[in-house]
Amino acid sequence: MMKTILCYGDSNTWGWDPVRMDRYSSDMRWPGVLQHTLGEGYQIIEEGLPGRTTVWTDPVEGHMSGKDYLTPCLNSHRPLDLVILLLGTNDLKYRFSVSAFDIAEGVGALVNIIHKSGSGPNSGVPHILLCAPPPLGRLSDFAEMFADGTEKSKQLCQQLKRVAELWGSAFFNTSQVIVSSDIDGVHFEASEHRKLGKAVAEIVKNMDL
């Protein structure tokens, strides 16, 4: 039976290329690598939005709250066997001025929405894989935007692991396999997309979906 997986994230799920400052092709983005690696029997749904936060309304860009769009997204694609969350990087922007603890709590709010959505098989709860983004790299053009964000980015993994344990969700520390690019400090280079897609595929294969 076909397994449906939703990848819900920001520009690093959408596929922003820090080298060309454009979007990677679908086969280069980590959800596309995930699809290719898993092969037949899996449908991967890409839901990446550049600038997406966990729960915060962006006072500059607007319409970036992952919380606002999550419920209609889940209902649009139900039934879902697995929801993969890779968020938190944009919450590190100075304009939000929130702690790593609060960013993780924002992810927890999204997990709560998923649990209550009835978007899994038989209107149940889909499996959830909570991914911690890697710490920020060397910031260049984004240095002011992410002022004070580097140290918080290093704390985020442990806070997200705490939330995953609280909710009984699967957890993956992406910094075990990838790094943020030192070109801009925020995004993933093509090599990292390949590594991430393959690593997530191995996790998915070992999940009882």
Protein backbone atom coordinates (compact mmCIF):
# COMPACT_ATOMS: atom_id res chain seq x y z
CA MET A 1 0.00 0.00 0.00
CA MET A 2 1.27 3.48 -0.90
CA LYS A 3 2.70 5.41 2.05
CA THR A 4 2.21 9.19 1.98
CA ILE A 5 4.81 11.44 3.62
CA LEU A 6 4.49 15.19 4.12
CA CYS A 7 7.72 17.22 4.36
CA TYR A 8 6.82 20.47 6.12
CA GLY A 9 9.59 23.02 6.30
CA ASP A 10 11.14 26.30 5.21
CA SER A 11 13.54 27.34 2.43
CA ASN A 12 15.75 24.35 3.15
CA THR A 13 12.84 22.09 2.26
CA TRP A 14 11.80 24.34 -0.63
CA GLY A 15 15.35 24.03 -1.92
CA TRP A 16 17.11 27.42 -1.87
CA ASP A 17 20.53 27.16 -3.50
CA PRO A 18 23.00 29.52 -1.76
CA VAL A 19 25.40 29.27 -4.70
CA ARG A 20 23.06 30.26 -7.54
CA MET A 21 20.54 32.05 -5.29
CA ASP A 22 17.77 30.12 -6.99
CA ARG A 23 15.81 26.93 -6.41
CA TYR A 24 17.36 23.49 -6.80
CA SER A 25 15.67 21.16 -9.26
CA SER A 26 13.26 18.66 -7.74
CA ASP A 27 15.73 15.77 -7.99
CA MET A 28 18.37 17.76 -6.05
CA ARG A 29 16.15 18.87 -3.15
CA TRP A 30 16.22 16.59 -0.14
CA PRO A 31 12.54 15.58 -0.44
CA GLY A 32 13.26 14.60 -4.06
CA VAL A 33 16.29 12.59 -2.95
CA LEU A 34 14.06 11.00 -0.31
CA GLN A 35 11.53 10.05 -2.98
CA HIS A 36 14.18 8.59 -5.29
CA THR A 37 15.84 6.64 -2.47
CA LEU A 38 12.60 5.18 -1.12
CA GLY A 39 11.29 4.41 -4.60
CA GLU A 40 7.90 2.98 -5.44
CA GLY A 41 5.41 2.61 -2.63
CA TYR A 42 6.02 6.09 -1.25
CA GLN A 43 4.54 9.45 -2.17
CA ILE A 44 6.52 12.45 -0.95
CA ILE A 45 4.67 15.75 -0.63
CA GLU A 46 6.93 18.83 -0.55
CA GLU A 47 5.64 21.70 1.58
CA GLY A 48 8.57 24.07 1.93
CA LEU A 49 8.09 27.82 2.22
CA PRO A 50 11.05 30.21 2.35
CA GLY A 51 10.84 32.23 5.56
CA ARG A 52 8.42 29.87 7.32
CA THR A 53 8.55 30.03 11.11
CA THR A 54 7.09 27.64 13.62
CA VAL A 55 4.30 29.76 15.11
CA TRP A 56 5.44 33.38 14.84
CA THR A 57 3.78 35.93 12.56
CA ASP A 58 6.54 37.73 10.68
CA PRO A 59 6.08 41.50 11.13
CA VAL A 60 8.09 42.16 7.96
CA GLU A 61 7.11 39.41 5.51
CA GLY A 62 3.75 38.26 6.89
CA HIS A 63 2.03 34.90 6.12
CA MET A 64 5.05 32.92 7.37
CA SER A 65 3.62 31.18 10.42
CA GLY A 66 3.80 27.42 10.05
CA LYS A 67 0.97 27.17 12.55
CA ASP A 68 -1.47 29.10 10.35
CA TYR A 69 -1.06 26.87 7.31
CA LEU A 70 -0.52 23.49 8.94
CA THR A 71 -4.15 22.46 9.51
CA PRO A 72 -5.36 23.15 5.95
CA CYS A 73 -2.20 21.51 4.65
CA LEU A 74 -2.82 18.36 6.66
CA ASN A 75 -6.44 18.24 5.57
CA SER A 76 -5.52 18.78 1.93
CA HIS A 77 -3.20 15.78 1.83
CA ARG A 78 -4.83 13.35 4.25
CA PRO A 79 -4.51 10.51 4.95
CA LEU A 80 -0.84 10.92 5.85
CA ASP A 81 1.33 8.13 7.15
CA LEU A 82 4.16 10.39 8.24
CA VAL A 83 4.76 14.11 8.77
CA ILE A 84 8.37 15.28 8.76
CA LEU A 85 8.96 18.65 10.43
CA LEU A 86 12.15 20.58 9.67
CA LEU A 87 11.64 24.06 11.09
CA GLY A 88 13.19 26.49 13.56
CA THR A 89 15.91 28.22 11.56
CA ASN A 90 13.82 31.29 10.69
CA ASP A 91 12.76 31.63 14.32
CA LEU A 92 16.40 32.50 15.03
CA LYS A 93 16.01 35.87 13.28
CA TYR A 94 16.67 38.82 15.53
CA ARG A 95 13.22 40.30 14.82
CA PHE A 96 11.59 37.48 16.82
CA SER A 97 14.03 37.57 19.75
CA VAL A 98 12.92 34.20 21.15
CA SER A 99 14.99 31.58 22.94
CA ALA A 100 15.88 28.11 21.72
CA PHE A 101 13.45 26.83 24.36
CA ASP A 102 10.59 28.88 22.88
CA ILE A 103 11.45 27.86 19.32
CA ALA A 104 11.19 24.24 20.38
CA GLU A 105 7.90 25.00 22.12
CA GLY A 106 6.70 26.40 18.80
CA VAL A 107 7.52 23.09 17.15
CA GLY A 108 5.66 21.39 19.99
CA ALA A 109 2.60 23.47 19.14
CA LEU A 110 2.78 22.12 15.58
CA VAL A 111 3.07 18.56 16.85
CA ASN A 112 -0.02 19.18 18.97
CA ILE A 113 -1.92 20.33 15.87
CA ILE A 114 -0.87 17.18 14.02
CA HIS A 115 -2.04 15.01 16.91
CA LYS A 116 -5.45 16.67 16.94
CA SER A 117 -5.90 16.81 13.15
CA GLY A 118 -7.11 13.30 12.47
CA SER A 119 -5.02 13.43 9.32
CA GLY A 120 -3.54 9.95 9.65
CA PRO A 121 -4.95 6.68 8.33
CA ASN A 122 -8.47 5.99 9.60
CA SER A 123 -8.58 9.57 10.95
CA GLY A 124 -5.84 8.71 13.42
CA VAL A 125 -2.53 10.36 14.22
CA PRO A 126 0.17 10.14 11.55
CA HIS A 127 3.70 9.25 12.55
CA ILE A 128 5.86 12.32 13.18
CA LEU A 129 9.58 12.74 12.54
CA LEU A 130 10.92 15.88 14.19
CA CYS A 131 14.18 17.01 12.58
CA ALA A 132 16.55 19.46 14.26
CA PRO A 133 18.17 21.77 11.71
CA PRO A 134 21.96 22.10 11.83
CA PRO A 135 23.43 25.15 13.59
CA LEU A 136 23.97 28.27 11.54
CA GLY A 137 27.18 28.47 9.55
CA ARG A 138 29.31 31.54 8.85
CA LEU A 139 26.82 34.35 8.33
CA SER A 140 27.45 36.85 5.55
CA ASP A 141 24.55 38.76 4.00
CA PHE A 142 22.25 37.41 6.73
CA ALA A 143 24.50 38.47 9.63
CA GLU A 144 22.28 41.31 10.82
CA MET A 145 19.07 39.40 10.20
CA PHE A 146 20.29 36.53 12.37
CA ALA A 147 22.16 38.61 14.96
CA ASP A 148 22.45 36.64 18.23
CA GLY A 149 21.15 33.55 16.44
CA THR A 150 24.30 31.46 16.18
CA GLU A 151 24.54 30.44 19.83
CA LYS A 152 20.80 29.75 20.02
CA SER A 153 21.08 27.57 16.91
CA LYS A 154 23.58 25.39 18.77
CA GLN A 155 21.12 24.98 21.65
CA LEU A 156 18.16 24.15 19.45
CA CYS A 157 18.88 20.47 18.90
CA GLN A 158 18.71 19.59 22.59
CA GLN A 159 15.51 21.59 23.03
CA LEU A 160 13.87 19.91 20.03
CA LYS A 161 14.91 16.50 21.32
CA ARG A 162 13.17 17.37 24.59
CA VAL A 163 9.96 18.20 22.72
CA ALA A 164 10.16 15.03 20.64
CA GLU A 165 10.52 12.93 23.79
CA LEU A 166 7.61 14.76 25.40
CA TRP A 167 5.33 13.90 22.48
CA GLY A 168 6.74 10.46 21.76
CA SER A 169 7.81 11.53 18.27
CA ALA A 170 10.74 10.20 16.31
CA PHE A 171 13.72 12.57 16.33
CA PHE A 172 16.66 13.21 14.01
CA ASN A 173 19.59 15.52 14.63
CA THR A 174 20.43 16.53 11.07
CA SER A 175 23.81 17.92 12.14
CA GLN A 176 24.95 14.31 12.39
CA VAL A 177 25.08 14.27 8.59
CA ILE A 178 24.89 17.85 7.25
CA VAL A 179 26.07 21.41 7.89
CA SER A 180 24.70 24.82 6.93
CA SER A 181 26.61 26.43 4.10
CA ASP A 182 29.33 28.94 4.95
CA ILE A 183 28.31 30.82 1.81
CA ASP A 184 25.38 32.39 3.64
CA GLY A 185 25.29 30.52 6.94
CA VAL A 186 21.67 29.45 6.61
CA HIS A 187 21.02 27.21 3.62
CA PHE A 188 22.14 23.76 2.48
CA GLU A 189 24.43 23.15 -0.46
CA ALA A 190 23.54 20.41 -2.96
CA SER A 191 25.82 17.84 -1.32
CA GLU A 192 23.99 18.33 1.99
CA HIS A 193 20.58 17.86 0.35
CA ARG A 194 21.77 14.51 -0.98
CA LYS A 195 23.08 13.44 2.41
CA LEU A 196 19.92 14.56 4.19
CA GLY A 197 17.53 12.89 1.77
CA LYS A 198 19.38 9.59 2.02
CA ALA A 199 19.66 9.75 5.80
CA VAL A 200 15.95 10.48 6.22
CA ALA A 201 15.14 7.61 3.85
CA GLU A 202 17.01 5.19 6.10
CA ILE A 203 15.03 6.44 9.10
CA VAL A 204 11.75 6.08 7.21
CA LYS A 205 12.60 2.53 6.11
CA ASN A 206 13.01 1.56 9.76
CA MET A 207 9.71 3.11 10.83
CA ASP A 208 6.60 0.95 11.10
CA LEU A 209 4.41 3.05 8.80
